[in-house]
PDB file of all heavy atoms in Angstrom:
ATOM      1  N   LEU A   1     129.429  94.744  57.777  1.00  0.00           N
ATOM      2  CA  LEU A   1     130.051  94.253  56.497  1.00  0.00           C
ATOM      3  C   LEU A   1     129.025  94.395  55.400  1.00  0.00           C
ATOM      4  O   LEU A   1     127.986  93.731  55.364  1.00  0.00           O
ATOM      5  CB  LEU A   1     130.498  92.836  56.641  1.00  0.00           C
ATOM      6  CG  LEU A   1     131.180  92.216  55.402  1.00  0.00           C
ATOM      7  CD1 LEU A   1     132.494  92.969  55.086  1.00  0.00           C
ATOM      8  CD2 LEU A   1     131.457  90.706  55.697  1.00  0.00           C
ATOM      9  N   ILE A   2     129.345  95.226  54.430  1.00  0.00           N
ATOM     10  CA  ILE A   2     128.445  95.516  53.328  1.00  0.00           C
ATOM     11  C   ILE A   2     128.877  94.598  52.167  1.00  0.00           C
ATOM     12  O   ILE A   2     130.047  94.587  51.678  1.00  0.00           O
ATOM     13  CB  ILE A   2     128.544  96.931  52.849  1.00  0.00           C
ATOM     14  CG1 ILE A   2     128.188  97.872  54.044  1.00  0.00           C
ATOM     15  CG2 ILE A   2     127.617  97.224  51.640  1.00  0.00           C
ATOM     16  CD1 ILE A   2     128.489  99.374  53.827  1.00  0.00           C
ATOM     17  N   VAL A   3     127.939  93.785  51.642  1.00  0.00           N
ATOM     18  CA  VAL A   3     128.238  92.885  50.522  1.00  0.00           C
ATOM     19  C   VAL A   3     127.119  92.972  49.544  1.00  0.00           C
ATOM     20  O   VAL A   3     125.984  93.357  49.933  1.00  0.00           O
ATOM     21  CB  VAL A   3     128.352  91.360  51.025  1.00  0.00           C
ATOM     22  CG1 VAL A   3     129.503  91.192  52.028  1.00  0.00           C
ATOM     23  CG2 VAL A   3     127.075  90.827  51.626  1.00  0.00           C
ATOM     24  N   GLY A   4     127.384  92.625  48.290  1.00  0.00           N
ATOM     25  CA  GLY A   4     126.323  92.521  47.347  1.00  0.00           C
ATOM     26  C   GLY A   4     125.433  91.275  47.639  1.00  0.00           C
ATOM     27  O   GLY A   4     125.993  90.314  48.214  1.00  0.00           O
ATOM     28  N   ALA A   5     124.199  91.387  47.356  1.00  0.00           N
ATOM     29  CA  ALA A   5     123.290  90.271  47.676  1.00  0.00           C
ATOM     30  C   ALA A   5     123.736  88.999  46.954  1.00  0.00           C
ATOM     31  O   ALA A   5     123.591  87.886  47.542  1.00  0.00           O
ATOM     32  CB  ALA A   5     121.879  90.609  47.223  1.00  0.00           C
ATOM     33  N   ASP A   6     124.407  89.044  45.827  1.00  0.00           N
ATOM     34  CA  ASP A   6     124.924  87.843  45.197  1.00  0.00           C
ATOM     35  C   ASP A   6     125.994  87.203  46.012  1.00  0.00           C
ATOM     36  O   ASP A   6     126.117  85.938  46.069  1.00  0.00           O
ATOM     37  CB  ASP A   6     125.427  88.223  43.807  1.00  0.00           C
ATOM     38  CG  ASP A   6     126.419  89.318  43.707  1.00  0.00           C
ATOM     39  OD1 ASP A   6     126.480  90.162  44.655  1.00  0.00           O
ATOM     40  OD2 ASP A   6     127.175  89.443  42.702  1.00  0.00           O
ATOM     41  N   ALA A   7     126.797  87.996  46.668  1.00  0.00           N
ATOM     42  CA  ALA A   7     127.930  87.440  47.559  1.00  0.00           C
ATOM     43  C   ALA A   7     127.308  86.823  48.795  1.00  0.00           C
ATOM     44  O   ALA A   7     127.874  85.908  49.372  1.00  0.00           O
ATOM     45  CB  ALA A   7     128.881  88.536  47.880  1.00  0.00           C
ATOM     46  N   LEU A   8     126.130  87.314  49.179  1.00  0.00           N
ATOM     47  CA  LEU A   8     125.515  86.794  50.451  1.00  0.00           C
ATOM     48  C   LEU A   8     125.364  85.277  50.389  1.00  0.00           C
ATOM     49  O   LEU A   8     125.622  84.479  51.325  1.00  0.00           O
ATOM     50  CB  LEU A   8     124.194  87.507  50.589  1.00  0.00           C
ATOM     51  CG  LEU A   8     123.362  87.107  51.848  1.00  0.00           C
ATOM     52  CD1 LEU A   8     124.045  87.646  53.070  1.00  0.00           C
ATOM     53  CD2 LEU A   8     121.978  87.709  51.753  1.00  0.00           C
ATOM     54  N   LEU A   9     124.934  84.768  49.134  1.00  0.00           N
ATOM     55  CA  LEU A   9     124.647  83.358  49.041  1.00  0.00           C
ATOM     56  C   LEU A   9     125.856  82.476  49.177  1.00  0.00           C
ATOM     57  O   LEU A   9     125.844  81.313  49.488  1.00  0.00           O
ATOM     58  CB  LEU A   9     123.988  83.089  47.668  1.00  0.00           C
ATOM     59  CG  LEU A   9     122.641  83.835  47.527  1.00  0.00           C
ATOM     60  CD1 LEU A   9     122.155  83.673  46.035  1.00  0.00           C
ATOM     61  CD2 LEU A   9     121.615  83.364  48.472  1.00  0.00           C
ATOM     62  N   GLY A  10     127.098  83.093  48.851  1.00  0.00           N
ATOM     63  CA  GLY A  10     128.337  82.356  48.962  1.00  0.00           C
ATOM     64  C   GLY A  10     129.110  82.654  50.170  1.00  0.00           C
ATOM     65  O   GLY A  10     130.279  82.064  50.317  1.00  0.00           O
ATOM     66  N   LEU A  11     128.595  83.363  51.116  1.00  0.00           N
ATOM     67  CA  LEU A  11     129.365  83.805  52.293  1.00  0.00           C
ATOM     68  C   LEU A  11     129.856  82.590  53.092  1.00  0.00           C
ATOM     69  O   LEU A  11     130.967  82.639  53.721  1.00  0.00           O
ATOM     70  CB  LEU A  11     128.584  84.773  53.141  1.00  0.00           C
ATOM     71  CG  LEU A  11     129.412  85.618  54.099  1.00  0.00           C
ATOM     72  CD1 LEU A  11     128.870  87.028  54.155  1.00  0.00           C
ATOM     73  CD2 LEU A  11     129.370  85.053  55.502  1.00  0.00           C
ATOM     74  N   THR A  12     129.112  81.512  53.151  1.00  0.00           N
ATOM     75  CA  THR A  12     129.521  80.381  53.949  1.00  0.00           C
ATOM     76  C   THR A  12     130.805  79.623  53.331  1.00  0.00           C
ATOM     77  O   THR A  12     131.249  78.704  53.956  1.00  0.00           O
ATOM     78  CB  THR A  12     128.392  79.361  54.198  1.00  0.00           C
ATOM     79  OG1 THR A  12     127.935  78.948  52.931  1.00  0.00           O
ATOM     80  CG2 THR A  12     127.278  80.048  54.994  1.00  0.00           C
ATOM     81  N   THR A  13     131.166  80.043  52.133  1.00  0.00           N
ATOM     82  CA  THR A  13     132.398  79.457  51.574  1.00  0.00           C
ATOM     83  C   THR A  13     133.614  80.218  51.898  1.00  0.00           C
ATOM     84  O   THR A  13     134.739  79.865  51.570  1.00  0.00           O
ATOM     85  CB  THR A  13     132.281  79.329  50.023  1.00  0.00           C
ATOM     86  OG1 THR A  13     132.200  80.678  49.473  1.00  0.00           O
ATOM     87  CG2 THR A  13     131.013  78.534  49.637  1.00  0.00           C
ATOM     88  N   TRP A  14     133.441  81.429  52.567  1.00  0.00           N
ATOM     89  CA  TRP A  14     134.605  82.302  52.878  1.00  0.00           C
ATOM     90  C   TRP A  14     135.360  81.683  53.991  1.00  0.00           C
ATOM     91  O   TRP A  14     134.850  80.947  54.889  1.00  0.00           O
ATOM     92  CB  TRP A  14     134.088  83.660  53.288  1.00  0.00           C
ATOM     93  CG  TRP A  14     133.377  84.483  52.221  1.00  0.00           C
ATOM     94  CD1 TRP A  14     133.004  84.013  51.000  1.00  0.00           C
ATOM     95  CD2 TRP A  14     133.038  85.801  52.336  1.00  0.00           C
ATOM     96  NE1 TRP A  14     132.394  85.097  50.286  1.00  0.00           N
ATOM     97  CE2 TRP A  14     132.395  86.154  51.077  1.00  0.00           C
ATOM     98  CE3 TRP A  14     133.094  86.780  53.259  1.00  0.00           C
ATOM     99  CZ2 TRP A  14     131.908  87.396  50.827  1.00  0.00           C
ATOM    100  CZ3 TRP A  14     132.587  88.022  53.067  1.00  0.00           C
ATOM    101  CH2 TRP A  14     132.037  88.397  51.871  1.00  0.00           C
ATOM    102  N   ARG A  15     136.676  81.995  54.048  1.00  0.00           N
ATOM    103  CA  ARG A  15     137.511  81.526  55.109  1.00  0.00           C
ATOM    104  C   ARG A  15     136.987  82.076  56.474  1.00  0.00           C
ATOM    105  O   ARG A  15     136.721  83.239  56.669  1.00  0.00           O
ATOM    106  CB  ARG A  15     138.929  82.104  54.929  1.00  0.00           C
ATOM    107  CG  ARG A  15     139.889  81.703  56.104  1.00  0.00           C
ATOM    108  CD  ARG A  15     141.258  82.194  55.893  1.00  0.00           C
ATOM    109  NE  ARG A  15     141.924  81.225  55.067  1.00  0.00           N
ATOM    110  CZ  ARG A  15     143.217  81.199  54.897  1.00  0.00           C
ATOM    111  NH1 ARG A  15     144.016  82.130  55.365  1.00  0.00           N
ATOM    112  NH2 ARG A  15     143.775  80.247  54.133  1.00  0.00           N
ATOM    113  N   GLN A  16     136.874  81.156  57.381  1.00  0.00           N
ATOM    114  CA  GLN A  16     136.375  81.461  58.718  1.00  0.00           C
ATOM    115  C   GLN A  16     135.082  82.308  58.790  1.00  0.00           C
ATOM    116  O   GLN A  16     134.938  83.292  59.520  1.00  0.00           O
ATOM    117  CB  GLN A  16     137.434  82.173  59.543  1.00  0.00           C
ATOM    118  CG  GLN A  16     138.727  81.330  59.732  1.00  0.00           C
ATOM    119  CD  GLN A  16     139.828  82.055  60.472  1.00  0.00           C
ATOM    120  OE1 GLN A  16     139.812  83.346  60.642  1.00  0.00           O
ATOM    121  NE2 GLN A  16     140.913  81.331  60.893  1.00  0.00           N
ATOM    122  N   TRP A  17     134.128  81.836  57.973  1.00  0.00           N
ATOM    123  CA  TRP A  17     132.928  82.610  57.786  1.00  0.00           C
ATOM    124  C   TRP A  17     132.127  82.830  59.147  1.00  0.00           C
ATOM    125  O   TRP A  17     131.570  83.844  59.345  1.00  0.00           O
ATOM    126  CB  TRP A  17     132.049  82.117  56.730  1.00  0.00           C
ATOM    127  CG  TRP A  17     131.338  80.796  57.082  1.00  0.00           C
ATOM    128  CD1 TRP A  17     131.809  79.491  56.801  1.00  0.00           C
ATOM    129  CD2 TRP A  17     130.131  80.592  57.764  1.00  0.00           C
ATOM    130  NE1 TRP A  17     130.942  78.581  57.260  1.00  0.00           N
ATOM    131  CE2 TRP A  17     129.915  79.215  57.902  1.00  0.00           C
ATOM    132  CE3 TRP A  17     129.196  81.502  58.305  1.00  0.00           C
ATOM    133  CZ2 TRP A  17     128.755  78.681  58.564  1.00  0.00           C
ATOM    134  CZ3 TRP A  17     128.100  80.985  58.971  1.00  0.00           C
ATOM    135  CH2 TRP A  17     127.896  79.598  59.101  1.00  0.00           C
ATOM    136  N   GLN A  18     132.267  81.840  60.049  1.00  0.00           N
ATOM    137  CA  GLN A  18     131.600  81.928  61.264  1.00  0.00           C
ATOM    138  C   GLN A  18     132.119  83.105  62.095  1.00  0.00           C
ATOM    139  O   GLN A  18     131.410  83.829  62.757  1.00  0.00           O
ATOM    140  CB  GLN A  18     131.658  80.697  62.164  1.00  0.00           C
ATOM    141  CG  GLN A  18     131.005  79.481  61.474  1.00  0.00           C
ATOM    142  CD  GLN A  18     131.999  78.579  60.641  1.00  0.00           C
ATOM    143  OE1 GLN A  18     133.026  79.102  60.199  1.00  0.00           O
ATOM    144  NE2 GLN A  18     131.632  77.356  60.498  1.00  0.00           N
ATOM    145  N   ASP A  19     133.472  83.286  62.020  1.00  0.00           N
ATOM    146  CA  ASP A  19     134.099  84.424  62.742  1.00  0.00           C
ATOM    147  C   ASP A  19     133.746  85.758  62.002  1.00  0.00           C
ATOM    148  O   ASP A  19     133.641  86.785  62.671  1.00  0.00           O
ATOM    149  CB  ASP A  19     135.588  84.243  62.742  1.00  0.00           C
ATOM    150  CG  ASP A  19     136.030  83.047  63.666  1.00  0.00           C
ATOM    151  OD1 ASP A  19     135.249  82.820  64.646  1.00  0.00           O
ATOM    152  OD2 ASP A  19     137.047  82.436  63.435  1.00  0.00           O
ATOM    153  N   VAL A  20     133.605  85.723  60.745  1.00  0.00           N
ATOM    154  CA  VAL A  20     133.211  86.932  59.976  1.00  0.00           C
ATOM    155  C   VAL A  20     131.857  87.410  60.523  1.00  0.00           C
ATOM    156  O   VAL A  20     131.755  88.616  60.801  1.00  0.00           O
ATOM    157  CB  VAL A  20     133.182  86.656  58.462  1.00  0.00           C
ATOM    158  CG1 VAL A  20     132.497  87.774  57.726  1.00  0.00           C
ATOM    159  CG2 VAL A  20     134.575  86.397  57.854  1.00  0.00           C
ATOM    160  N   VAL A  21     130.901  86.527  60.587  1.00  0.00           N
ATOM    161  CA  VAL A  21     129.553  86.989  61.008  1.00  0.00           C
ATOM    162  C   VAL A  21     129.454  87.209  62.514  1.00  0.00           C
ATOM    163  O   VAL A  21     128.562  87.920  62.974  1.00  0.00           O
ATOM    164  CB  VAL A  21     128.464  85.969  60.600  1.00  0.00           C
ATOM    165  CG1 VAL A  21     128.465  85.804  59.041  1.00  0.00           C
ATOM    166  CG2 VAL A  21     128.650  84.627  61.219  1.00  0.00           C
ATOM    167  N   ARG A  22     130.509  86.787  63.290  1.00  0.00           N
ATOM    168  CA  ARG A  22     130.544  87.171  64.711  1.00  0.00           C
ATOM    169  C   ARG A  22     131.217  88.579  64.872  1.00  0.00           C
ATOM    170  O   ARG A  22     130.803  89.327  65.737  1.00  0.00           O
ATOM    171  CB  ARG A  22     131.379  86.164  65.506  1.00  0.00           C
ATOM    172  CG  ARG A  22     130.579  84.956  65.989  1.00  0.00           C
ATOM    173  CD  ARG A  22     131.352  84.184  67.003  1.00  0.00           C
ATOM    174  NE  ARG A  22     132.449  83.413  66.443  1.00  0.00           N
ATOM    175  CZ  ARG A  22     132.270  82.137  65.952  1.00  0.00           C
ATOM    176  NH1 ARG A  22     131.040  81.619  66.012  1.00  0.00           N
ATOM    177  NH2 ARG A  22     133.252  81.503  65.521  1.00  0.00           N
ATOM    178  N   ARG A  23     132.152  88.906  64.026  1.00  0.00           N
ATOM    179  CA  ARG A  23     132.837  90.155  64.125  1.00  0.00           C
ATOM    180  C   ARG A  23     132.064  91.328  63.520  1.00  0.00           C
ATOM    181  O   ARG A  23     132.309  92.464  63.877  1.00  0.00           O
ATOM    182  CB  ARG A  23     134.195  90.104  63.403  1.00  0.00           C
ATOM    183  CG  ARG A  23     135.245  89.333  64.173  1.00  0.00           C
ATOM    184  CD  ARG A  23     136.614  89.447  63.418  1.00  0.00           C
ATOM    185  NE  ARG A  23     137.613  88.747  64.070  1.00  0.00           N
ATOM    186  CZ  ARG A  23     138.513  89.282  64.943  1.00  0.00           C
ATOM    187  NH1 ARG A  23     138.482  90.514  65.171  1.00  0.00           N
ATOM    188  NH2 ARG A  23     139.402  88.531  65.490  1.00  0.00           N
ATOM    189  N   ALA A  24     131.202  91.034  62.553  1.00  0.00           N
ATOM    190  CA  ALA A  24     130.543  92.151  61.853  1.00  0.00           C
ATOM    191  C   ALA A  24     129.066  91.735  61.553  1.00  0.00           C
ATOM    192  O   ALA A  24     128.726  90.615  61.301  1.00  0.00           O
ATOM    193  CB  ALA A  24     131.168  92.476  60.544  1.00  0.00           C
ATOM    194  N   ARG A  25     128.197  92.702  61.585  1.00  0.00           N
ATOM    195  CA  ARG A  25     126.805  92.545  61.177  1.00  0.00           C
ATOM    196  C   ARG A  25     126.842  92.522  59.641  1.00  0.00           C
ATOM    197  O   ARG A  25     127.423  93.462  59.039  1.00  0.00           O
ATOM    198  CB  ARG A  25     125.950  93.582  61.743  1.00  0.00           C
ATOM    199  CG  ARG A  25     125.913  93.607  63.203  1.00  0.00           C
ATOM    200  CD  ARG A  25     125.195  94.784  63.780  1.00  0.00           C
ATOM    201  NE  ARG A  25     125.400  94.805  65.233  1.00  0.00           N
ATOM    202  CZ  ARG A  25     124.463  95.256  66.038  1.00  0.00           C
ATOM    203  NH1 ARG A  25     123.299  95.735  65.652  1.00  0.00           N
ATOM    204  NH2 ARG A  25     124.759  95.198  67.368  1.00  0.00           N
ATOM    205  N   VAL A  26     126.162  91.584  59.060  1.00  0.00           N
ATOM    206  CA  VAL A  26     126.227  91.434  57.584  1.00  0.00           C
ATOM    207  C   VAL A  26     125.056  92.283  56.971  1.00  0.00           C
ATOM    208  O   VAL A  26     123.862  92.132  57.420  1.00  0.00           O
ATOM    209  CB  VAL A  26     126.042  89.995  57.155  1.00  0.00           C
ATOM    210  CG1 VAL A  26     126.017  89.881  55.612  1.00  0.00           C
ATOM    211  CG2 VAL A  26     127.253  89.184  57.707  1.00  0.00           C
ATOM    212  N   VAL A  27     125.364  93.114  55.997  1.00  0.00           N
ATOM    213  CA  VAL A  27     124.396  93.922  55.309  1.00  0.00           C
ATOM    214  C   VAL A  27     124.455  93.554  53.831  1.00  0.00           C
ATOM    215  O   VAL A  27     125.522  93.775  53.255  1.00  0.00           O
ATOM    216  CB  VAL A  27     124.617  95.443  55.535  1.00  0.00           C
ATOM    217  CG1 VAL A  27     123.582  96.253  54.781  1.00  0.00           C
ATOM    218  CG2 VAL A  27     124.750  95.777  56.940  1.00  0.00           C
ATOM    219  N   ALA A  28     123.389  93.039  53.230  1.00  0.00           N
ATOM    220  CA  ALA A  28     123.361  92.683  51.828  1.00  0.00           C
ATOM    221  C   ALA A  28     122.621  93.740  51.061  1.00  0.00           C
ATOM    222  O   ALA A  28     121.576  94.164  51.431  1.00  0.00           O
ATOM    223  CB  ALA A  28     122.754  91.360  51.650  1.00  0.00           C
ATOM    224  N   VAL A  29     123.237  94.213  49.992  1.00  0.00           N
ATOM    225  CA  VAL A  29     122.658  95.266  49.092  1.00  0.00           C
ATOM    226  C   VAL A  29     122.227  94.554  47.781  1.00  0.00           C
ATOM    227  O   VAL A  29     122.926  93.905  47.190  1.00  0.00           O
ATOM    228  CB  VAL A  29     123.658  96.390  48.812  1.00  0.00           C
ATOM    229  CG1 VAL A  29     123.047  97.449  47.931  1.00  0.00           C
ATOM    230  CG2 VAL A  29     124.219  96.931  50.097  1.00  0.00           C
ATOM    231  N   THR A  30     120.903  94.827  47.510  1.00  0.00           N
ATOM    232  CA  THR A  30     120.426  94.250  46.216  1.00  0.00           C
ATOM    233  C   THR A  30     120.567  95.290  45.108  1.00  0.00           C
ATOM    234  O   THR A  30     120.472  96.530  45.360  1.00  0.00           O
ATOM    235  CB  THR A  30     118.955  93.890  46.316  1.00  0.00           C
ATOM    236  OG1 THR A  30     118.175  95.098  46.716  1.00  0.00           O
ATOM    237  CG2 THR A  30     118.708  92.850  47.355  1.00  0.00           C
ATOM    238  N   ARG A  31     120.897  94.838  43.940  1.00  0.00           N
ATOM    239  CA  ARG A  31     120.954  95.722  42.788  1.00  0.00           C
ATOM    240  C   ARG A  31     119.561  96.013  42.308  1.00  0.00           C
ATOM    241  O   ARG A  31     118.737  95.123  42.416  1.00  0.00           O
ATOM    242  CB  ARG A  31     121.688  95.053  41.656  1.00  0.00           C
ATOM    243  CG  ARG A  31     123.182  94.963  41.832  1.00  0.00           C
ATOM    244  CD  ARG A  31     123.878  94.414  40.660  1.00  0.00           C
ATOM    245  NE  ARG A  31     125.278  94.191  40.900  1.00  0.00           N
ATOM    246  CZ  ARG A  31     126.213  94.078  40.046  1.00  0.00           C
ATOM    247  NH1 ARG A  31     125.903  94.338  38.698  1.00  0.00           N
ATOM    248  NH2 ARG A  31     127.463  93.899  40.325  1.00  0.00           N
ATOM    249  N   PRO A  32     119.365  97.202  41.797  1.00  0.00           N
ATOM    250  CA  PRO A  32     118.007  97.469  41.239  1.00  0.00           C
ATOM    251  C   PRO A  32     117.654  96.451  40.196  1.00  0.00           C
ATOM    252  O   PRO A  32     118.455  96.048  39.317  1.00  0.00           O
ATOM    253  CB  PRO A  32     118.237  98.834  40.619  1.00  0.00           C
ATOM    254  CG  PRO A  32     119.380  99.467  41.295  1.00  0.00           C
ATOM    255  CD  PRO A  32     120.282  98.311  41.662  1.00  0.00           C
ATOM    256  N   GLY A  33     116.413  96.019  40.242  1.00  0.00           N
ATOM    257  CA  GLY A  33     115.880  95.077  39.227  1.00  0.00           C
ATOM    258  C   GLY A  33     116.246  93.576  39.571  1.00  0.00           C
ATOM    259  O   GLY A  33     115.881  92.703  38.807  1.00  0.00           O
TER     260      GLY A  33
END
């Protein structure tokens, strides 16, 4: 699961986030700068 690094910090507010991180490996992309 590719997410922006800003979304990474809020991922635990997502619906069934524990299942999200079980189903997919989380990849956070940082914006330049």
